[in-house]
Amino acid sequence: MNLKLKNIGIIKKADINIDGLTVIAGENDSGKSTVGKVLYAIMKSISKDKKISTISLKNNFNQYFDGEVSNNGNILFTQDNIKLKIEIDNNNYKINEKELETCFFIVNNGSSNVIMIETPLVWNMMELFTKLPMIEDEMAIELEYPKIMKDLHLNLSLKSKYKGIDISDTIKDIINGEFLKDDSSNYYFNKDDKKIKLINTATGIKYFGILQTLSNNNHLNQDKILILDEPEVHLHPKWQLKLAELIVILVKNGVKIVVNSHSPYMIEALQRYSEQQKIEDQTNFYLAQDEIIDKIENSNSRTLSEIFEKLSEPFDIFDEMDSNKIQND
């Protein structure tokens, strides 16, 4: 599977393979999240309707990408011999609908084929998302809310009938507890048989709780695409390594995962665990910089070298501060 972007959001050019584990590294505001959102919008558009029109694709893009996508840009999505080209100019979409009709083999038994995790704070909004349909119906209004988070809420609330990959016990050992439902179907964190409200649960634990619940609900299936947007943000470096190991295990079992990250701990852990689990041929690292996302010289090792050099710049500042301090003493 390949995704090429030109003049989409902040990105001038991107060329990304999604074969197993895809890691996009770079600073903030470098276009990492844009790739995840475009991929998410495409996959949701493909799976949402039995026949996709230009209008429905545009609506889905605006819904999940949240607004105007580009000015004079284009997207090329390729899987095997199927190519879906989307041209976008001033929010006008042009696609080849005949090509679109051949894309439905991507959908896994009619279930949702993509999940995106932007923030673990979805747990804080579970009750709100559950009540939203009733509120909208009673008041005859349509409320604006983050659609990607709402989709994640559904996957956390509903169980799939299809078999999923079980990582629940592994996560239980990491966080020393598990996410369970009470008699009112509200989630809580169970630690040492103590019922802890999610509002009082650490944000890092909430992140692992998402994966644990997705596993329990059979949503981590083979050929599922899982997009993780800067998953390290709320995690101690030691837990970043634990999460990286889980990610590699899922990839080895057939889940396609895209990780956007600016953490050297997370990126190196993903590299090391992918080598340990012998999935290097399914792993691709990319650097996002200067509005371009690409693999350096088509080499993971060369790209990783550039990534670590880029992410080590804060230490250069510390060295300069130390040098200035010595000169002033």
Protein backbone atom coordinates (compact mmCIF):
# COMPACT_ATOMS: atom_id res chain seq x y z
CA MET A 1 0.00 0.00 0.00
CA ASN A 2 1.40 3.39 -0.95
CA LEU A 3 0.27 6.97 -0.33
CA LYS A 4 1.64 9.90 -2.31
CA LEU A 5 0.70 13.48 -1.43
CA LYS A 6 1.38 16.71 -3.30
CA ASN A 7 0.44 20.11 -1.88
CA ILE A 8 -1.82 18.68 0.83
CA GLY A 9 -2.04 20.81 3.93
CA ILE A 10 1.48 21.80 4.96
CA ILE A 11 3.01 18.99 2.87
CA LYS A 12 4.52 19.81 -0.51
CA LYS A 13 5.46 16.21 -1.19
CA ALA A 14 5.19 12.85 0.60
CA ASP A 15 5.75 9.28 -0.53
CA ILE A 16 4.80 6.70 2.11
CA ASN A 17 4.64 2.89 2.05
CA ILE A 18 2.24 1.21 4.48
CA ASP A 19 3.32 -2.42 4.47
CA GLY A 20 3.43 -3.23 8.17
CA LEU A 21 5.05 -0.68 10.48
CA THR A 22 5.37 2.86 9.14
CA VAL A 23 7.15 5.44 11.31
CA ILE A 24 7.11 9.15 10.41
CA ALA A 25 9.44 11.25 12.55
CA GLY A 26 9.91 14.99 12.72
CA GLU A 27 9.32 18.16 14.66
CA ASN A 28 5.93 19.67 15.43
CA ASP A 29 4.10 21.22 12.47
CA SER A 30 6.05 19.16 9.93
CA GLY A 31 3.06 17.36 8.39
CA LYS A 32 3.21 14.05 10.29
CA SER A 33 -0.39 14.22 11.45
CA THR A 34 -1.56 15.28 7.99
CA VAL A 35 -0.46 11.95 6.54
CA GLY A 36 -2.39 10.07 9.22
CA LYS A 37 -5.55 12.11 8.70
CA VAL A 38 -5.47 11.79 4.90
CA LEU A 39 -4.99 8.01 5.16
CA TYR A 40 -7.80 7.84 7.71
CA ALA A 41 -10.15 9.88 5.52
CA ILE A 42 -9.45 7.69 2.48
CA MET A 43 -10.00 4.43 4.34
CA LYS A 44 -13.19 5.69 5.99
CA SER A 45 -14.46 6.91 2.63
CA ILE A 46 -13.80 3.55 1.01
CA SER A 47 -15.55 1.60 3.74
CA LYS A 48 -18.46 3.95 4.36
CA ASP A 49 -20.45 3.50 1.14
CA LYS A 50 -21.02 0.61 -1.25
CA LYS A 51 -20.57 2.97 -4.16
CA ILE A 52 -18.50 6.09 -3.68
CA SER A 53 -19.15 9.30 -5.55
CA THR A 54 -17.06 12.44 -5.70
CA ILE A 55 -19.58 14.11 -3.38
CA SER A 56 -19.39 11.42 -0.70
CA LEU A 57 -15.58 11.36 -0.82
CA LYS A 58 -15.47 15.14 -0.42
CA ASN A 59 -17.91 15.02 2.51
CA ASN A 60 -15.90 12.31 4.24
CA PHE A 61 -12.63 14.17 3.68
CA ASN A 62 -14.07 17.36 5.11
CA GLN A 63 -15.53 15.41 8.02
CA TYR A 64 -12.36 13.60 9.05
CA PHE A 65 -9.75 16.05 7.84
CA ASP A 66 -11.72 18.95 9.31
CA GLY A 67 -11.90 21.55 6.60
CA GLU A 68 -10.18 22.47 3.36
CA VAL A 69 -7.53 19.90 2.48
CA SER A 70 -5.43 21.67 -0.11
CA ASN A 71 -5.09 24.14 -2.93
CA ASN A 72 -4.11 22.57 -6.25
CA GLY A 73 -3.01 19.32 -4.63
CA ASN A 74 -3.42 15.65 -5.37
CA ILE A 75 -3.40 12.30 -3.60
CA LEU A 76 -2.47 8.95 -5.12
CA PHE A 77 -3.49 5.89 -3.09
CA THR A 78 -2.24 2.53 -4.39
CA GLN A 79 -2.87 -1.00 -3.17
CA ASP A 80 -1.56 -3.84 -5.31
CA ASN A 81 -2.66 -2.94 -8.85
CA ILE A 82 -5.45 -0.60 -7.74
CA LYS A 83 -4.87 3.13 -8.02
CA LEU A 84 -7.14 5.82 -6.59
CA LYS A 85 -6.20 9.33 -7.70
CA ILE A 86 -7.84 12.31 -6.04
CA GLU A 87 -7.27 15.81 -7.40
CA ILE A 88 -8.28 18.69 -5.14
CA ASP A 89 -8.36 22.36 -6.14
CA ASN A 90 -9.99 25.00 -3.95
CA ASN A 91 -11.91 22.24 -2.15
CA ASN A 92 -13.23 20.82 -5.46
CA TYR A 93 -12.64 17.09 -5.80
CA LYS A 94 -12.04 15.06 -8.93
CA ILE A 95 -11.71 11.28 -8.86
CA ASN A 96 -11.95 8.28 -11.17
CA GLU A 97 -15.10 6.58 -9.90
CA LYS A 98 -14.48 3.39 -11.90
CA GLU A 99 -11.21 2.93 -10.04
CA LEU A 100 -13.01 3.58 -6.76
CA GLU A 101 -15.45 0.74 -7.32
CA THR A 102 -12.56 -1.74 -7.38
CA CYS A 103 -11.21 -0.67 -3.99
CA PHE A 104 -13.67 -2.52 -1.79
CA PHE A 105 -11.48 -5.56 -1.25
CA ILE A 106 -9.70 -3.34 1.29
CA VAL A 107 -12.69 -3.56 3.64
CA ASN A 108 -12.30 -6.41 6.12
CA ASN A 109 -15.60 -8.32 6.27
CA GLY A 110 -17.57 -5.09 6.42
CA SER A 111 -16.00 -4.01 9.72
CA SER A 112 -14.23 -0.70 10.28
CA ASN A 113 -10.87 -1.04 8.56
CA VAL A 114 -9.05 1.86 10.21
CA ILE A 115 -8.71 3.28 13.72
CA MET A 116 -6.92 6.51 14.63
CA ILE A 117 -5.84 7.40 18.15
CA GLU A 118 -5.17 11.13 18.51
CA THR A 119 -5.44 11.42 22.29
CA PRO A 120 -6.21 9.21 25.30
CA LEU A 121 -8.49 11.95 26.59
CA VAL A 122 -11.28 10.30 24.61
CA TRP A 123 -12.00 8.49 27.90
CA ASN A 124 -12.96 11.83 29.49
CA MET A 125 -15.63 12.31 26.82
CA MET A 126 -17.17 8.84 26.74
CA GLU A 127 -20.35 9.84 28.55
CA LEU A 128 -20.77 12.92 26.34
CA PHE A 129 -20.38 10.91 23.12
CA THR A 130 -22.88 8.33 24.37
CA LYS A 131 -25.49 11.03 25.03
CA LEU A 132 -24.90 13.07 21.85
CA PRO A 133 -27.35 11.19 19.56
CA MET A 134 -30.16 11.57 22.11
CA ILE A 135 -29.39 15.28 22.58
CA GLU A 136 -29.33 15.91 18.83
CA ASP A 137 -32.57 13.99 18.35
CA GLU A 138 -34.43 15.72 21.17
CA MET A 139 -33.31 19.21 20.14
CA ALA A 140 -33.47 18.57 16.37
CA ILE A 141 -29.95 19.93 15.93
CA GLU A 142 -26.61 18.68 14.66
CA LEU A 143 -23.70 19.35 17.00
CA GLU A 144 -20.09 19.82 15.95
CA TYR A 145 -17.66 17.46 17.64
CA PRO A 146 -14.31 15.79 16.81
CA LYS A 147 -15.33 13.02 14.42
CA ILE A 148 -12.14 10.96 14.75
CA MET A 149 -12.57 10.85 18.51
CA LYS A 150 -16.25 9.95 18.08
CA ASP A 151 -15.26 7.04 15.82
CA LEU A 152 -12.79 5.83 18.45
CA HIS A 153 -15.54 6.07 21.07
CA LEU A 154 -17.66 3.66 19.01
CA ASN A 155 -14.83 1.13 18.78
CA LEU A 156 -14.31 1.38 22.54
CA SER A 157 -18.03 0.92 23.18
CA LEU A 158 -18.97 -1.83 20.72
CA LYS A 159 -17.57 -5.32 20.32
CA SER A 160 -16.84 -6.77 16.89
CA LYS A 161 -17.98 -10.31 16.04
CA TYR A 162 -14.71 -10.93 14.19
CA LYS A 163 -11.71 -12.45 15.90
CA GLY A 164 -9.05 -10.00 17.06
CA ILE A 165 -5.47 -10.16 18.34
CA ASP A 166 -5.36 -10.56 22.12
CA ILE A 167 -2.87 -8.28 23.91
CA SER A 168 -5.10 -7.54 26.91
CA ASP A 169 -3.16 -9.58 29.48
CA THR A 170 0.15 -8.11 28.35
CA ILE A 171 -1.23 -4.61 28.91
CA LYS A 172 -2.69 -5.67 32.26
CA ASP A 173 0.83 -6.54 33.42
CA ILE A 174 2.19 -3.18 32.21
CA ILE A 175 -0.41 -0.95 33.87
CA ASN A 176 -1.08 -3.28 36.80
CA GLY A 177 -4.81 -3.31 36.11
CA GLU A 178 -7.50 -3.38 33.44
CA PHE A 179 -10.33 -1.33 31.99
CA LEU A 180 -13.74 -2.82 32.81
CA LYS A 181 -17.41 -1.85 32.52
CA ASP A 182 -19.70 -1.39 35.50
CA ASP A 183 -23.39 -2.37 35.60
CA SER A 184 -24.28 0.84 33.74
CA SER A 185 -21.78 0.05 30.95
CA ASN A 186 -19.49 2.85 32.07
CA TYR A 187 -15.76 2.12 32.00
CA TYR A 188 -13.49 2.33 35.03
CA PHE A 189 -9.90 1.34 35.81
CA ASN A 190 -9.65 -1.72 38.02
CA LYS A 191 -6.41 -1.76 40.03
CA ASP A 192 -5.94 -4.27 42.85
CA ASP A 193 -9.72 -4.76 42.88
CA LYS A 194 -10.19 -1.04 43.44
CA LYS A 195 -12.60 0.80 41.14
CA ILE A 196 -10.92 4.01 39.93
CA LYS A 197 -12.88 6.55 37.88
CA LEU A 198 -11.29 7.26 34.51
CA ILE A 199 -11.26 10.99 35.25
CA ASN A 200 -8.84 10.14 38.09
CA THR A 201 -6.74 7.71 36.03
CA ALA A 202 -3.29 8.74 34.77
CA THR A 203 -3.24 9.77 31.11
CA GLY A 204 -0.52 7.25 30.26
CA ILE A 205 -2.64 4.44 31.67
CA LYS A 206 -5.57 5.72 29.60
CA TYR A 207 -3.50 5.27 26.43
CA PHE A 208 -2.76 1.64 27.22
CA GLY A 209 -6.42 1.30 28.23
CA ILE A 210 -7.47 2.23 24.71
CA LEU A 211 -5.39 -0.60 23.22
CA GLN A 212 -6.55 -3.02 25.92
CA THR A 213 -10.21 -2.23 25.24
CA LEU A 214 -9.77 -2.38 21.46
CA SER A 215 -8.21 -5.81 21.94
CA ASN A 216 -11.05 -6.97 24.19
CA ASN A 217 -13.57 -5.69 21.63
CA ASN A 218 -11.87 -7.62 18.78
CA HIS A 219 -10.97 -4.46 16.86
CA LEU A 220 -7.28 -5.27 16.48
CA ASN A 221 -7.67 -7.55 13.48
CA GLN A 222 -5.33 -8.77 10.81
CA ASP A 223 -5.12 -6.18 7.99
CA LYS A 224 -6.56 -3.45 10.24
CA ILE A 225 -4.86 -0.06 9.85
CA LEU A 226 -4.04 1.57 13.20
CA ILE A 227 -2.85 5.20 13.14
CA LEU A 228 -1.11 6.44 16.30
CA ASP A 229 -0.53 10.19 16.44
CA GLU A 230 2.42 10.96 18.73
CA PRO A 231 1.57 8.15 21.19
CA GLU A 232 4.59 8.98 23.38
CA VAL A 233 3.24 12.36 24.52
CA HIS A 234 1.83 11.14 27.85
CA LEU A 235 4.24 8.24 28.45
CA HIS A 236 7.38 7.91 30.56
CA PRO A 237 10.34 6.72 28.40
CA LYS A 238 10.14 3.27 30.02
CA TRP A 239 6.50 2.93 28.97
CA GLN A 240 7.35 4.25 25.51
CA LEU A 241 9.53 1.15 25.11
CA LYS A 242 6.68 -1.07 26.33
CA LEU A 243 4.30 0.51 23.83
CA ALA A 244 6.84 0.12 21.02
CA GLU A 245 7.12 -3.58 21.81
CA LEU A 246 3.33 -3.95 21.69
CA ILE A 247 3.19 -2.12 18.37
CA VAL A 248 5.73 -4.49 16.84
CA ILE A 249 3.82 -7.53 18.18
CA LEU A 250 0.63 -6.27 16.53
CA VAL A 251 2.44 -5.67 13.23
CA LYS A 252 3.92 -9.16 13.36
CA ASN A 253 0.36 -10.47 13.70
CA GLY A 254 -0.90 -8.63 10.63
CA VAL A 255 -2.00 -5.19 11.86
CA LYS A 256 -0.73 -2.31 9.71
CA ILE A 257 0.38 0.54 11.98
CA VAL A 258 1.37 4.12 11.19
CA VAL A 259 3.19 5.93 14.02
CA ASN A 260 3.86 9.68 14.00
CA SER A 261 6.53 10.53 16.56
CA HIS A 262 9.10 13.06 17.71
CA SER A 263 10.49 10.90 20.52
CA PRO A 264 13.97 9.36 20.02
CA TYR A 265 13.07 6.74 22.68
CA MET A 266 9.99 5.60 20.77
CA ILE A 267 11.70 5.63 17.39
CA GLU A 268 14.77 3.69 18.51
CA ALA A 269 12.60 1.20 20.39
CA LEU A 270 10.51 0.59 17.27
CA GLN A 271 13.71 0.05 15.29
CA ARG A 272 15.18 -2.38 17.83
CA TYR A 273 12.00 -4.39 18.41
CA SER A 274 11.32 -4.65 14.67
CA GLU A 275 14.81 -6.12 14.26
CA GLN A 276 14.31 -8.42 17.25
CA GLN A 277 10.99 -9.70 15.86
CA LYS A 278 12.45 -9.93 12.33
CA ILE A 279 9.93 -7.64 10.63
CA GLU A 280 12.51 -5.26 9.12
CA ASP A 281 11.17 -6.01 5.63
CA GLN A 282 7.74 -4.71 6.76
CA THR A 283 9.14 -1.61 8.49
CA ASN A 284 9.66 1.83 6.93
CA PHE A 285 11.06 4.97 8.57
CA TYR A 286 10.46 8.46 7.15
CA LEU A 287 11.70 11.93 8.02
CA ALA A 288 9.36 14.93 7.90
CA GLN A 289 11.22 18.19 7.31
CA ASP A 290 11.02 21.26 5.11
CA GLU A 291 7.43 20.31 4.10
CA ILE A 292 8.63 17.03 2.56
CA ILE A 293 8.18 13.51 3.95
CA ASP A 294 10.37 10.85 2.43
CA LYS A 295 12.86 8.07 3.06
CA ILE A 296 16.47 9.23 2.69
CA GLU A 297 18.13 7.44 -0.25
CA ASN A 298 15.46 4.74 0.12
CA SER A 299 17.32 3.47 3.20
CA ASN A 300 15.97 2.92 6.71
CA SER A 301 19.45 3.21 8.24
CA ARG A 302 20.21 6.45 6.40
CA THR A 303 16.81 7.86 7.35
CA LEU A 304 17.22 6.87 11.01
CA SER A 305 20.62 8.55 11.10
CA GLU A 306 19.05 11.78 9.86
CA ILE A 307 16.13 11.42 12.29
CA PHE A 308 18.36 10.99 15.35
CA GLU A 309 20.57 13.87 14.26
CA LYS A 310 17.50 16.07 13.92
CA LEU A 311 16.02 15.02 17.25
CA SER A 312 19.34 15.47 19.08
CA GLU A 313 19.44 19.23 18.42
CA PRO A 314 18.24 20.08 21.97
CA PHE A 315 21.35 18.36 23.36
CA ASP A 316 23.49 20.59 21.14
CA ILE A 317 21.83 23.57 22.82
CA PHE A 318 22.66 22.11 26.25
CA ASP A 319 26.29 21.66 25.16
CA GLU A 320 26.40 25.28 24.05
CA MET A 321 24.92 26.39 27.39
CA ASP A 322 27.56 24.37 29.24
CA SER A 323 30.29 25.88 27.10
CA ASN A 324 29.05 29.42 27.79
CA LYS A 325 28.85 28.69 31.50
CA ILE A 326 32.46 27.49 31.59
CA GLN A 327 33.63 30.60 29.73
CA ASN A 328 31.76 32.88 32.14
CA ASP A 329 32.96 31.17 35.34
